[in-house]
């Protein structure tokens, strides 16, 4: 599974798979970049590479439940890279 890094202009949201689609231990909160597009895509990829499908996903207004450790790792590395970017 590869990661899905956000592009400039993407919105980033928190989401997890709905109850009943997978077991409770797999319902972690993912960081999901949402590209600018018309309409709602059938699926989106989280920063960790997990695929979240329309109709099987709940969008979270705040971080709830267990966070996806891989998503947090990718997000923190990306944030560090932006902070440490040389001035140009």
N, C-alpha and C. Protein backbone atom coordinates (compact mmCIF):
# COMPACT_ATOMS: atom_id res chain seq x y z
N UNK A 1 0.82 -1.17 0.00
CA UNK A 1 0.00 0.00 0.00
C UNK A 1 0.87 1.24 0.00
N UNK A 2 0.70 2.10 -0.95
CA UNK A 2 1.44 3.35 -0.98
C UNK A 2 0.65 4.44 -0.30
N UNK A 3 1.31 5.53 -0.01
CA UNK A 3 0.60 6.63 0.64
C UNK A 3 -0.01 7.55 -0.41
N UNK A 4 -1.00 8.33 0.01
CA UNK A 4 -1.68 9.27 -0.86
C UNK A 4 -1.44 10.66 -0.31
N UNK A 5 -0.33 11.26 -0.65
CA UNK A 5 -0.01 12.59 -0.13
C UNK A 5 -0.92 13.64 -0.76
N UNK A 6 -1.35 14.62 0.05
CA UNK A 6 -2.22 15.66 -0.50
C UNK A 6 -1.47 16.56 -1.47
N UNK A 7 -2.19 17.02 -2.46
CA UNK A 7 -1.67 17.99 -3.41
C UNK A 7 -2.04 19.38 -2.91
N UNK A 8 -1.33 20.42 -3.35
CA UNK A 8 -1.71 21.77 -2.97
C UNK A 8 -3.18 22.04 -3.34
N UNK A 9 -3.92 22.59 -2.42
CA UNK A 9 -5.34 22.87 -2.66
C UNK A 9 -6.28 21.78 -2.19
N UNK A 10 -5.75 20.60 -1.85
CA UNK A 10 -6.60 19.53 -1.34
C UNK A 10 -7.09 19.87 0.07
N UNK A 11 -8.29 19.46 0.37
CA UNK A 11 -8.82 19.52 1.73
C UNK A 11 -8.42 18.24 2.41
N UNK A 12 -8.10 18.28 3.69
CA UNK A 12 -7.74 17.08 4.43
C UNK A 12 -8.79 16.87 5.52
N UNK A 13 -9.37 15.66 5.58
CA UNK A 13 -10.42 15.35 6.54
C UNK A 13 -10.07 14.08 7.31
N UNK A 14 -10.81 13.85 8.39
CA UNK A 14 -10.68 12.61 9.16
C UNK A 14 -11.87 11.73 8.81
N UNK A 15 -11.60 10.43 8.63
CA UNK A 15 -12.67 9.49 8.27
C UNK A 15 -12.32 8.10 8.78
N UNK A 16 -13.34 7.28 8.92
CA UNK A 16 -13.13 5.87 9.27
C UNK A 16 -14.24 5.04 8.64
N UNK A 17 -14.01 3.75 8.57
CA UNK A 17 -14.99 2.84 7.99
C UNK A 17 -16.16 2.73 8.95
N UNK A 18 -17.38 2.68 8.41
CA UNK A 18 -18.59 2.61 9.23
C UNK A 18 -18.65 1.32 10.04
N UNK A 19 -19.33 1.39 11.15
CA UNK A 19 -19.57 0.22 12.01
C UNK A 19 -20.28 -0.87 11.19
N UNK A 20 -19.82 -2.10 11.33
CA UNK A 20 -20.43 -3.23 10.64
C UNK A 20 -19.76 -3.60 9.32
N UNK A 21 -18.97 -2.69 8.75
CA UNK A 21 -18.27 -2.98 7.49
C UNK A 21 -17.02 -3.81 7.76
N UNK A 22 -16.31 -3.47 8.83
CA UNK A 22 -15.13 -4.22 9.26
C UNK A 22 -15.23 -4.41 10.78
N UNK A 23 -14.36 -5.22 11.35
CA UNK A 23 -14.33 -5.40 12.80
C UNK A 23 -13.92 -4.12 13.50
N UNK A 24 -14.30 -4.00 14.76
CA UNK A 24 -14.03 -2.79 15.53
C UNK A 24 -12.55 -2.44 15.60
N UNK A 25 -11.68 -3.45 15.65
CA UNK A 25 -10.24 -3.17 15.75
C UNK A 25 -9.68 -2.54 14.48
N UNK A 26 -10.40 -2.62 13.36
CA UNK A 26 -9.94 -2.03 12.10
C UNK A 26 -10.58 -0.68 11.82
N UNK A 27 -11.43 -0.20 12.71
CA UNK A 27 -12.12 1.09 12.53
C UNK A 27 -11.28 2.22 13.10
N UNK A 28 -10.13 2.46 12.51
CA UNK A 28 -9.26 3.54 12.96
C UNK A 28 -9.58 4.82 12.19
N UNK A 29 -9.25 5.95 12.80
CA UNK A 29 -9.49 7.24 12.16
C UNK A 29 -8.33 7.58 11.24
N UNK A 30 -8.62 7.73 9.95
CA UNK A 30 -7.62 8.00 8.92
C UNK A 30 -7.58 9.48 8.57
N UNK A 31 -6.43 9.94 8.11
CA UNK A 31 -6.26 11.28 7.54
C UNK A 31 -6.41 11.12 6.03
N UNK A 32 -7.40 11.83 5.45
CA UNK A 32 -7.75 11.62 4.05
C UNK A 32 -7.71 12.93 3.27
N UNK A 33 -6.81 13.04 2.28
CA UNK A 33 -6.85 14.22 1.41
C UNK A 33 -8.01 14.08 0.42
N UNK A 34 -8.76 15.16 0.26
CA UNK A 34 -9.90 15.17 -0.68
C UNK A 34 -9.56 16.15 -1.78
N UNK A 35 -9.28 15.65 -2.99
CA UNK A 35 -8.90 16.55 -4.08
C UNK A 35 -10.07 17.42 -4.53
N UNK A 36 -9.72 18.57 -5.06
CA UNK A 36 -10.75 19.43 -5.65
C UNK A 36 -11.31 18.70 -6.86
N UNK A 37 -12.60 18.53 -6.86
CA UNK A 37 -13.24 17.83 -7.99
C UNK A 37 -14.72 18.19 -7.98
N UNK A 38 -15.35 17.91 -9.08
CA UNK A 38 -16.80 18.07 -9.13
C UNK A 38 -17.41 16.72 -8.82
N UNK A 39 -18.34 16.70 -7.91
CA UNK A 39 -18.97 15.45 -7.52
C UNK A 39 -18.20 14.75 -6.42
N UNK A 40 -18.79 13.68 -5.93
CA UNK A 40 -18.19 12.90 -4.86
C UNK A 40 -17.54 11.66 -5.47
N UNK A 41 -16.24 11.45 -5.24
CA UNK A 41 -15.59 10.27 -5.82
C UNK A 41 -16.09 8.98 -5.17
N UNK A 42 -15.99 7.87 -5.89
CA UNK A 42 -16.41 6.56 -5.36
C UNK A 42 -15.50 6.09 -4.24
N UNK A 43 -14.24 6.51 -4.27
CA UNK A 43 -13.32 6.12 -3.21
C UNK A 43 -12.21 7.15 -3.08
N UNK A 44 -11.64 7.21 -1.88
CA UNK A 44 -10.51 8.09 -1.59
C UNK A 44 -9.44 7.28 -0.89
N UNK A 45 -8.20 7.71 -1.01
CA UNK A 45 -7.09 7.04 -0.34
C UNK A 45 -6.60 7.87 0.83
N UNK A 46 -6.46 7.21 1.98
CA UNK A 46 -5.92 7.86 3.18
C UNK A 46 -4.41 8.04 3.01
N UNK A 47 -3.80 8.84 3.88
CA UNK A 47 -2.35 9.04 3.80
C UNK A 47 -1.59 7.73 3.91
N UNK A 48 -2.13 6.76 4.63
CA UNK A 48 -1.47 5.47 4.80
C UNK A 48 -1.66 4.55 3.60
N UNK A 49 -2.55 4.92 2.67
CA UNK A 49 -2.82 4.09 1.51
C UNK A 49 -4.12 3.32 1.60
N UNK A 50 -4.78 3.33 2.76
CA UNK A 50 -6.07 2.63 2.90
C UNK A 50 -7.09 3.27 1.97
N UNK A 51 -7.91 2.44 1.34
CA UNK A 51 -8.94 2.93 0.43
C UNK A 51 -10.27 3.00 1.19
N UNK A 52 -10.88 4.17 1.18
CA UNK A 52 -12.17 4.39 1.82
C UNK A 52 -13.21 4.61 0.73
N UNK A 53 -14.24 3.77 0.74
CA UNK A 53 -15.26 3.80 -0.31
C UNK A 53 -16.51 4.57 0.12
N UNK A 54 -17.11 5.25 -0.85
CA UNK A 54 -18.36 5.97 -0.59
C UNK A 54 -19.42 4.99 -0.10
N UNK A 55 -20.17 5.36 0.89
CA UNK A 55 -21.21 4.51 1.45
C UNK A 55 -20.70 3.60 2.57
N UNK A 56 -19.40 3.41 2.66
CA UNK A 56 -18.82 2.58 3.72
C UNK A 56 -18.03 3.43 4.71
N UNK A 57 -18.01 4.74 4.50
CA UNK A 57 -17.13 5.63 5.26
C UNK A 57 -17.95 6.65 6.04
N UNK A 58 -17.53 6.93 7.27
CA UNK A 58 -18.13 8.02 8.03
C UNK A 58 -17.09 9.12 8.17
N UNK A 59 -17.51 10.36 7.91
CA UNK A 59 -16.64 11.52 8.01
C UNK A 59 -16.71 12.04 9.42
N UNK A 60 -15.58 12.35 10.01
CA UNK A 60 -15.52 12.76 11.42
C UNK A 60 -15.26 14.25 11.52
N UNK A 61 -16.03 14.92 12.38
CA UNK A 61 -15.83 16.35 12.58
C UNK A 61 -14.65 16.62 13.51
N UNK A 62 -14.29 15.62 14.32
CA UNK A 62 -13.12 15.69 15.19
C UNK A 62 -12.46 14.32 15.20
N UNK A 63 -11.27 14.24 15.73
CA UNK A 63 -10.60 12.96 15.86
C UNK A 63 -11.34 12.13 16.89
N UNK A 64 -11.84 10.99 16.46
CA UNK A 64 -12.56 10.08 17.37
C UNK A 64 -12.00 8.69 17.21
N UNK A 65 -11.99 7.94 18.28
CA UNK A 65 -11.51 6.57 18.22
C UNK A 65 -9.99 6.52 18.10
N UNK A 66 -9.52 5.35 17.78
CA UNK A 66 -8.07 5.12 17.64
C UNK A 66 -7.58 5.73 16.33
N UNK A 67 -6.56 6.59 16.37
CA UNK A 67 -6.04 7.13 15.11
C UNK A 67 -5.20 6.09 14.38
N UNK A 68 -5.15 6.19 13.07
CA UNK A 68 -4.29 5.33 12.25
C UNK A 68 -2.85 5.80 12.45
N UNK A 69 -2.03 4.93 12.99
CA UNK A 69 -0.64 5.31 13.27
C UNK A 69 0.13 5.61 11.99
N UNK A 70 -0.15 4.88 10.92
CA UNK A 70 0.56 5.13 9.65
C UNK A 70 0.19 6.50 9.09
N UNK A 71 -1.11 6.87 9.17
CA UNK A 71 -1.53 8.20 8.70
C UNK A 71 -0.84 9.29 9.50
N UNK A 72 -0.78 9.12 10.82
CA UNK A 72 -0.13 10.13 11.67
C UNK A 72 1.35 10.25 11.36
N UNK A 73 2.01 9.12 11.08
CA UNK A 73 3.43 9.15 10.74
C UNK A 73 3.66 9.92 9.45
N UNK A 74 2.86 9.62 8.42
CA UNK A 74 3.00 10.31 7.13
C UNK A 74 2.71 11.80 7.31
N UNK A 75 1.65 12.13 8.05
CA UNK A 75 1.28 13.54 8.25
C UNK A 75 2.37 14.29 9.00
N UNK A 76 2.96 13.67 10.02
CA UNK A 76 4.00 14.36 10.79
C UNK A 76 5.27 14.54 9.96
N UNK A 77 5.61 13.57 9.14
CA UNK A 77 6.79 13.72 8.27
C UNK A 77 6.57 14.82 7.24
N UNK A 78 5.36 14.89 6.71
CA UNK A 78 5.05 15.92 5.72
C UNK A 78 5.11 17.30 6.38
N UNK A 79 4.56 17.42 7.58
CA UNK A 79 4.59 18.70 8.29
C UNK A 79 6.02 19.12 8.59
N UNK A 80 6.85 18.16 9.02
CA UNK A 80 8.25 18.46 9.32
C UNK A 80 8.98 18.92 8.07
N UNK A 81 8.69 18.28 6.94
CA UNK A 81 9.36 18.66 5.68
C UNK A 81 8.97 20.09 5.28
N UNK A 82 7.72 20.48 5.51
CA UNK A 82 7.28 21.82 5.17
C UNK A 82 7.93 22.85 6.08
N UNK A 83 8.08 22.54 7.35
CA UNK A 83 8.69 23.45 8.31
C UNK A 83 10.18 23.61 8.02
N UNK A 84 10.83 22.53 7.63
CA UNK A 84 12.27 22.54 7.40
C UNK A 84 12.66 22.89 5.96
N UNK A 85 11.70 23.23 5.13
CA UNK A 85 11.97 23.57 3.73
C UNK A 85 12.83 24.83 3.68
N UNK A 86 13.91 24.80 2.90
CA UNK A 86 14.77 25.99 2.80
C UNK A 86 14.03 27.17 2.17
N UNK A 87 14.34 28.34 2.65
CA UNK A 87 13.75 29.56 2.07
C UNK A 87 14.28 29.74 0.66
N UNK A 88 13.43 30.14 -0.22
CA UNK A 88 13.89 30.27 -1.60
C UNK A 88 13.45 31.47 -2.20
